[in-house]
PDB file of N, CA and C in Angstrom:
ATOM      1  N   MET A   1       0.849  -1.169   0.000  1.00  0.00           N
ATOM      2  CA  MET A   1       0.000   0.000   0.000  1.00  0.00           C
ATOM      3  C   MET A   1       0.901   1.241   0.000  1.00  0.00           C
ATOM      4  N   LYS A   2       0.577   2.204  -0.833  1.00  0.00           N
ATOM      5  CA  LYS A   2       1.387   3.410  -0.951  1.00  0.00           C
ATOM      6  C   LYS A   2       0.945   4.447   0.067  1.00  0.00           C
ATOM      7  N   LEU A   3       1.843   5.388   0.340  1.00  0.00           N
ATOM      8  CA  LEU A   3       1.583   6.422   1.332  1.00  0.00           C
ATOM      9  C   LEU A   3       0.322   7.212   1.005  1.00  0.00           C
ATOM     10  N   ASN A   4       0.114   7.567  -0.246  1.00  0.00           N
ATOM     11  CA  ASN A   4      -1.078   8.363  -0.579  1.00  0.00           C
ATOM     12  C   ASN A   4      -2.361   7.574  -0.359  1.00  0.00           C
ATOM     13  N   GLN A   5      -2.318   6.244  -0.510  1.00  0.00           N
ATOM     14  CA  GLN A   5      -3.483   5.404  -0.228  1.00  0.00           C
ATOM     15  C   GLN A   5      -3.753   5.357   1.275  1.00  0.00           C
ATOM     16  N   ILE A   6      -2.692   5.215   2.058  1.00  0.00           N
ATOM     17  CA  ILE A   6      -2.835   5.191   3.519  1.00  0.00           C
ATOM     18  C   ILE A   6      -3.396   6.521   3.995  1.00  0.00           C
ATOM     19  N   GLU A   7      -2.852   7.613   3.444  1.00  0.00           N
ATOM     20  CA  GLU A   7      -3.318   8.944   3.828  1.00  0.00           C
ATOM     21  C   GLU A   7      -4.800   9.116   3.505  1.00  0.00           C
ATOM     22  N   ALA A   8      -5.214   8.711   2.333  1.00  0.00           N
ATOM     23  CA  ALA A   8      -6.620   8.849   1.934  1.00  0.00           C
ATOM     24  C   ALA A   8      -7.534   8.063   2.866  1.00  0.00           C
ATOM     25  N   GLU A   9      -7.120   6.845   3.198  1.00  0.00           N
ATOM     26  CA  GLU A   9      -7.937   6.034   4.110  1.00  0.00           C
ATOM     27  C   GLU A   9      -7.945   6.625   5.514  1.00  0.00           C
ATOM     28  N   ALA A  10      -6.807   7.124   5.970  1.00  0.00           N
ATOM     29  CA  ALA A  10      -6.726   7.708   7.301  1.00  0.00           C
ATOM     30  C   ALA A  10      -7.624   8.932   7.415  1.00  0.00           C
ATOM     31  N   LEU A  11      -7.696   9.725   6.362  1.00  0.00           N
ATOM     32  CA  LEU A  11      -8.525  10.923   6.398  1.00  0.00           C
ATOM     33  C   LEU A  11     -10.014  10.604   6.415  1.00  0.00           C
ATOM     34  N   ASN A  12     -10.379   9.381   6.085  1.00  0.00           N
ATOM     35  CA  ASN A  12     -11.779   8.964   6.156  1.00  0.00           C
ATOM     36  C   ASN A  12     -12.172   8.453   7.537  1.00  0.00           C
ATOM     37  N   LEU A  13     -11.218   8.343   8.431  1.00  0.00           N
ATOM     38  CA  LEU A  13     -11.506   7.904   9.797  1.00  0.00           C
ATOM     39  C   LEU A  13     -12.231   9.008  10.555  1.00  0.00           C
ATOM     40  N   SER A  14     -12.868   8.633  11.656  1.00  0.00           N
ATOM     41  CA  SER A  14     -13.505   9.638  12.513  1.00  0.00           C
ATOM     42  C   SER A  14     -12.426  10.492  13.178  1.00  0.00           C
ATOM     43  N   LYS A  15     -12.845  11.607  13.728  1.00  0.00           N
ATOM     44  CA  LYS A  15     -11.907  12.510  14.405  1.00  0.00           C
ATOM     45  C   LYS A  15     -11.168  11.772  15.526  1.00  0.00           C
ATOM     46  N   GLU A  16     -11.891  10.974  16.293  1.00  0.00           N
ATOM     47  CA  GLU A  16     -11.289  10.236  17.408  1.00  0.00           C
ATOM     48  C   GLU A  16     -10.285   9.200  16.905  1.00  0.00           C
ATOM     49  N   GLU A  17     -10.648   8.503  15.832  1.00  0.00           N
ATOM     50  CA  GLU A  17      -9.744   7.497  15.272  1.00  0.00           C
ATOM     51  C   GLU A  17      -8.489   8.145  14.693  1.00  0.00           C
ATOM     52  N   ARG A  18      -8.652   9.304  14.042  1.00  0.00           N
ATOM     53  CA  ARG A  18      -7.487  10.011  13.499  1.00  0.00           C
ATOM     54  C   ARG A  18      -6.570  10.480  14.626  1.00  0.00           C
ATOM     55  N   ALA A  19      -7.156  10.947  15.716  1.00  0.00           N
ATOM     56  CA  ALA A  19      -6.357  11.386  16.862  1.00  0.00           C
ATOM     57  C   ALA A  19      -5.581  10.212  17.449  1.00  0.00           C
ATOM     58  N   GLU A  20      -6.239   9.053  17.575  1.00  0.00           N
ATOM     59  CA  GLU A  20      -5.573   7.861  18.103  1.00  0.00           C
ATOM     60  C   GLU A  20      -4.437   7.421  17.184  1.00  0.00           C
ATOM     61  N   LEU A  21      -4.691   7.428  15.876  1.00  0.00           N
ATOM     62  CA  LEU A  21      -3.658   7.060  14.910  1.00  0.00           C
ATOM     63  C   LEU A  21      -2.492   8.042  14.959  1.00  0.00           C
ATOM     64  N   ALA A  22      -2.797   9.330  15.032  1.00  0.00           N
ATOM     65  CA  ALA A  22      -1.741  10.341  15.101  1.00  0.00           C
ATOM     66  C   ALA A  22      -0.877  10.138  16.338  1.00  0.00           C
ATOM     67  N   GLN A  23      -1.510   9.850  17.465  1.00  0.00           N
ATOM     68  CA  GLN A  23      -0.757   9.622  18.695  1.00  0.00           C
ATOM     69  C   GLN A  23       0.158   8.404  18.552  1.00  0.00           C
ATOM     70  N   LYS A  24      -0.368   7.336  17.994  1.00  0.00           N
ATOM     71  CA  LYS A  24       0.441   6.123  17.812  1.00  0.00           C
ATOM     72  C   LYS A  24       1.616   6.386  16.875  1.00  0.00           C
ATOM     73  N   LEU A  25       1.384   7.135  15.816  1.00  0.00           N
ATOM     74  CA  LEU A  25       2.464   7.450  14.877  1.00  0.00           C
ATOM     75  C   LEU A  25       3.532   8.313  15.544  1.00  0.00           C
ATOM     76  N   LEU A  26       3.107   9.309  16.306  1.00  0.00           N
ATOM     77  CA  LEU A  26       4.074  10.173  16.991  1.00  0.00           C
ATOM     78  C   LEU A  26       4.878   9.392  18.025  1.00  0.00           C
ATOM     79  N   LEU A  27       4.215   8.529  18.776  1.00  0.00           N
ATOM     80  CA  LEU A  27       4.926   7.725  19.774  1.00  0.00           C
ATOM     81  C   LEU A  27       5.926   6.793  19.119  1.00  0.00           C
ATOM     82  N   SER A  28       5.606   6.312  17.925  1.00  0.00           N
ATOM     83  CA  SER A  28       6.520   5.401  17.245  1.00  0.00           C
ATOM     84  C   SER A  28       7.812   6.104  16.846  1.00  0.00           C
ATOM     85  N   LEU A  29       7.767   7.415  16.691  1.00  0.00           N
ATOM     86  CA  LEU A  29       8.972   8.174  16.341  1.00  0.00           C
ATOM     87  C   LEU A  29       9.880   8.375  17.545  1.00  0.00           C
ATOM     88  N   ASP A  30       9.285   8.395  18.741  1.00  0.00           N
ATOM     89  CA  ASP A  30      10.038   8.666  19.962  1.00  0.00           C
ATOM     90  C   ASP A  30      10.569   7.424  20.647  1.00  0.00           C
ATOM     91  N   THR A  31      10.268   6.256  20.137  1.00  0.00           N
ATOM     92  CA  THR A  31      10.678   5.023  20.774  1.00  0.00           C
ATOM     93  C   THR A  31      12.172   4.793  20.563  1.00  0.00           C
ATOM     94  N   PRO A  32      12.930   4.670  21.669  1.00  0.00           N
ATOM     95  CA  PRO A  32      14.373   4.435  21.519  1.00  0.00           C
ATOM     96  C   PRO A  32      14.658   3.028  21.003  1.00  0.00           C
ATOM     97  N   SER A  33      15.785   2.880  20.365  1.00  0.00           N
ATOM     98  CA  SER A  33      16.194   1.571  19.853  1.00  0.00           C
ATOM     99  C   SER A  33      16.666   0.697  21.015  1.00  0.00           C
ATOM    100  N   GLU A  34      16.808  -0.593  20.742  1.00  0.00           N
ATOM    101  CA  GLU A  34      17.316  -1.535  21.756  1.00  0.00           C
ATOM    102  C   GLU A  34      18.696  -1.094  22.234  1.00  0.00           C
ATOM    103  N   GLU A  35      19.524  -0.641  21.298  1.00  0.00           N
ATOM    104  CA  GLU A  35      20.875  -0.202  21.650  1.00  0.00           C
ATOM    105  C   GLU A  35      20.840   1.023  22.552  1.00  0.00           C
ATOM    106  N   GLU A  36      19.933   1.974  22.259  1.00  0.00           N
ATOM    107  CA  GLU A  36      19.812   3.174  23.103  1.00  0.00           C
ATOM    108  C   GLU A  36      19.343   2.816  24.504  1.00  0.00           C
ATOM    109  N   ILE A  37      18.411   1.886  24.585  1.00  0.00           N
ATOM    110  CA  ILE A  37      17.919   1.449  25.895  1.00  0.00           C
ATOM    111  C   ILE A  37      19.041   0.785  26.679  1.00  0.00           C
ATOM    112  N   ALA A  38      19.791  -0.099  26.036  1.00  0.00           N
ATOM    113  CA  ALA A  38      20.903  -0.777  26.712  1.00  0.00           C
ATOM    114  C   ALA A  38      21.949   0.239  27.173  1.00  0.00           C
ATOM    115  N   GLU A  39      22.245   1.219  26.331  1.00  0.00           N
ATOM    116  CA  GLU A  39      23.228   2.245  26.704  1.00  0.00           C
ATOM    117  C   GLU A  39      22.737   3.078  27.888  1.00  0.00           C
ATOM    118  N   ASP A  40      21.452   3.435  27.880  1.00  0.00           N
ATOM    119  CA  ASP A  40      20.879   4.194  28.996  1.00  0.00           C
ATOM    120  C   ASP A  40      20.964   3.409  30.300  1.00  0.00           C
ATOM    121  N   TRP A  41      20.657   2.098  30.247  1.00  0.00           N
ATOM    122  CA  TRP A  41      20.727   1.282  31.459  1.00  0.00           C
ATOM    123  C   TRP A  41      22.167   1.139  31.949  1.00  0.00           C
ATOM    124  N   LEU A  42      23.101   1.000  31.027  1.00  0.00           N
ATOM    125  CA  LEU A  42      24.508   0.906  31.417  1.00  0.00           C
ATOM    126  C   LEU A  42      24.951   2.188  32.105  1.00  0.00           C
ATOM    127  N   MET A  43      24.584   3.338  31.555  1.00  0.00           N
ATOM    128  CA  MET A  43      24.951   4.619  32.182  1.00  0.00           C
ATOM    129  C   MET A  43      24.320   4.747  33.565  1.00  0.00           C
ATOM    130  N   GLU A  44      23.063   4.301  33.699  1.00  0.00           N
ATOM    131  CA  GLU A  44      22.392   4.361  34.997  1.00  0.00           C
ATOM    132  C   GLU A  44      23.076   3.438  36.007  1.00  0.00           C
ATOM    133  N   ALA A  45      23.445   2.232  35.580  1.00  0.00           N
ATOM    134  CA  ALA A  45      24.142   1.295  36.476  1.00  0.00           C
ATOM    135  C   ALA A  45      25.485   1.873  36.911  1.00  0.00           C
ATOM    136  N   GLN A  46      26.195   2.492  35.981  1.00  0.00           N
ATOM    137  CA  GLN A  46      27.483   3.108  36.325  1.00  0.00           C
ATOM    138  C   GLN A  46      27.295   4.264  37.305  1.00  0.00           C
ATOM    139  N   ARG A  47      26.258   5.073  37.098  1.00  0.00           N
ATOM    140  CA  ARG A  47      25.980   6.183  38.017  1.00  0.00           C
ATOM    141  C   ARG A  47      25.658   5.669  39.414  1.00  0.00           C
ATOM    142  N   ARG A  48      24.835   4.620  39.480  1.00  0.00           N
ATOM    143  CA  ARG A  48      24.471   4.063  40.782  1.00  0.00           C
ATOM    144  C   ARG A  48      25.686   3.449  41.481  1.00  0.00           C
ATOM    145  N   ALA A  49      26.540   2.761  40.732  1.00  0.00           N
ATOM    146  CA  ALA A  49      27.751   2.180  41.315  1.00  0.00           C
ATOM    147  C   ALA A  49      28.662   3.284  41.846  1.00  0.00           C
ATOM    148  N   ARG A  50      28.779   4.364  41.098  1.00  0.00           N
ATOM    149  CA  ARG A  50      29.600   5.495  41.521  1.00  0.00           C
ATOM    150  C   ARG A  50      29.037   6.116  42.807  1.00  0.00           C
ATOM    151  N   ASP A  51      27.708   6.282  42.870  1.00  0.00           N
ATOM    152  CA  ASP A  51      27.068   6.824  44.071  1.00  0.00           C
ATOM    153  C   ASP A  51      27.335   5.937  45.284  1.00  0.00           C
ATOM    154  N   LEU A  52      27.283   4.623  45.088  1.00  0.00           N
ATOM    155  CA  LEU A  52      27.583   3.691  46.179  1.00  0.00           C
ATOM    156  C   LEU A  52      29.046   3.807  46.599  1.00  0.00           C
ATOM    157  N   ASP A  53      29.947   3.813  45.617  1.00  0.00           N
ATOM    158  CA  ASP A  53      31.378   3.890  45.903  1.00  0.00           C
ATOM    159  C   ASP A  53      31.749   5.172  46.639  1.00  0.00           C
ATOM    160  N   GLU A  54      31.078   6.269  46.302  1.00  0.00           N
ATOM    161  CA  GLU A  54      31.390   7.561  46.910  1.00  0.00           C
ATOM    162  C   GLU A  54      30.623   7.794  48.201  1.00  0.00           C
ATOM    163  N   GLY A  55      29.774   6.842  48.591  1.00  0.00           N
ATOM    164  CA  GLY A  55      29.026   6.961  49.838  1.00  0.00           C
ATOM    165  C   GLY A  55      27.864   7.932  49.763  1.00  0.00           C
ATOM    166  N   ILE A  56      27.484   8.312  48.558  1.00  0.00           N
ATOM    167  CA  ILE A  56      26.361   9.238  48.391  1.00  0.00           C
ATOM    168  C   ILE A  56      25.058   8.572  48.781  1.00  0.00           C
ATOM    169  N   VAL A  57      24.946   7.285  48.502  1.00  0.00           N
ATOM    170  CA  VAL A  57      23.768   6.506  48.878  1.00  0.00           C
ATOM    171  C   VAL A  57      24.235   5.272  49.632  1.00  0.00           C
ATOM    172  N   GLN A  58      23.329   4.711  50.415  1.00  0.00           N
ATOM    173  CA  GLN A  58      23.617   3.492  51.162  1.00  0.00           C
ATOM    174  C   GLN A  58      22.844   2.337  50.546  1.00  0.00           C
ATOM    175  N   PRO A  59      23.462   1.156  50.462  1.00  0.00           N
ATOM    176  CA  PRO A  59      22.742   0.013  49.895  1.00  0.00           C
ATOM    177  C   PRO A  59      21.572  -0.397  50.788  1.00  0.00           C
ATOM    178  N   VAL A  60      20.549  -0.950  50.150  1.00  0.00           N
ATOM    179  CA  VAL A  60      19.368  -1.442  50.857  1.00  0.00           C
ATOM    180  C   VAL A  60      19.234  -2.913  50.500  1.00  0.00           C
ATOM    181  N   SER A  61      19.069  -3.752  51.507  1.00  0.00           N
ATOM    182  CA  SER A  61      18.961  -5.192  51.251  1.00  0.00           C
ATOM    183  C   SER A  61      17.652  -5.523  50.554  1.00  0.00           C
ATOM    184  N   ALA A  62      17.660  -6.628  49.830  1.00  0.00           N
ATOM    185  CA  ALA A  62      16.453  -7.086  49.149  1.00  0.00           C
ATOM    186  C   ALA A  62      15.346  -7.358  50.164  1.00  0.00           C
ATOM    187  N   GLU A  63      15.714  -7.870  51.324  1.00  0.00           N
ATOM    188  CA  GLU A  63      14.719  -8.147  52.373  1.00  0.00           C
ATOM    189  C   GLU A  63      14.034  -6.859  52.824  1.00  0.00           C
ATOM    190  N   GLU A  64      14.807  -5.802  52.998  1.00  0.00           N
ATOM    191  CA  GLU A  64      14.224  -4.531  53.422  1.00  0.00           C
ATOM    192  C   GLU A  64      13.302  -3.960  52.338  1.00  0.00           C
ATOM    193  N   VAL A  65      13.706  -4.074  51.095  1.00  0.00           N
ATOM    194  CA  VAL A  65      12.870  -3.609  49.992  1.00  0.00           C
ATOM    195  C   VAL A  65      11.563  -4.392  49.962  1.00  0.00           C
ATOM    196  N   ARG A  66      11.655  -5.709  50.153  1.00  0.00           N
ATOM    197  CA  ARG A  66      10.459  -6.545  50.167  1.00  0.00           C
ATOM    198  C   ARG A  66       9.522  -6.148  51.296  1.00  0.00           C
ATOM    199  N   ARG A  67      10.079  -5.925  52.494  1.00  0.00           N
ATOM    200  CA  ARG A  67       9.255  -5.523  53.646  1.00  0.00           C
ATOM    201  C   ARG A  67       8.553  -4.203  53.374  1.00  0.00           C
ATOM    202  N   LYS A  68       9.277  -3.244  52.832  1.00  0.00           N
ATOM    203  CA  LYS A  68       8.680  -1.937  52.540  1.00  0.00           C
ATOM    204  C   LYS A  68       7.607  -2.042  51.470  1.00  0.00           C
ATOM    205  N   ALA A  69       7.847  -2.852  50.451  1.00  0.00           N
ATOM    206  CA  ALA A  69       6.858  -3.038  49.384  1.00  0.00           C
ATOM    207  C   ALA A  69       5.583  -3.678  49.928  1.00  0.00           C
ATOM    208  N   GLN A  70       5.743  -4.681  50.778  1.00  0.00           N
ATOM    209  CA  GLN A  70       4.582  -5.340  51.362  1.00  0.00           C
ATOM    210  C   GLN A  70       3.812  -4.370  52.258  1.00  0.00           C
ATOM    211  N   ALA A  71       4.522  -3.524  52.993  1.00  0.00           N
ATOM    212  CA  ALA A  71       3.857  -2.548  53.858  1.00  0.00           C
ATOM    213  C   ALA A  71       3.033  -1.562  53.017  1.00  0.00           C
ATOM    214  N   LEU A  72       3.549  -1.186  51.868  1.00  0.00           N
ATOM    215  CA  LEU A  72       2.821  -0.251  51.003  1.00  0.00           C
ATOM    216  C   LEU A  72       1.570  -0.889  50.415  1.00  0.00           C
ATOM    217  N   LEU A  73       1.593  -2.211  50.235  1.00  0.00           N
ATOM    218  CA  LEU A  73       0.461  -2.900  49.641  1.00  0.00           C
ATOM    219  C   LEU A  73      -0.646  -3.179  50.643  1.00  0.00           C
ATOM    220  N   ARG A  74      -0.367  -2.986  51.892  1.00  0.00           N
ATOM    221  CA  ARG A  74      -1.401  -3.261  52.923  1.00  0.00           C
ATOM    222  C   ARG A  74      -2.382  -2.149  53.034  1.00  0.00           C
TER     223      ARG A  74
END
């Protein structure tokens, strides 16, 4: 299907459907690639490790995180 055919069909949609399609198309442009996501996570892990090494933050045990999460769910 060619772009002009898609455009013609899209313009026949209701206002709400066109808005939904436009939103989906715009979001598809902003989606980072797998490589960008992996790079972002690596930078975040390095930042967190640096914060731990410099004593900026204190580690929290998995048990403590679990207890706090369960308390929030009650």
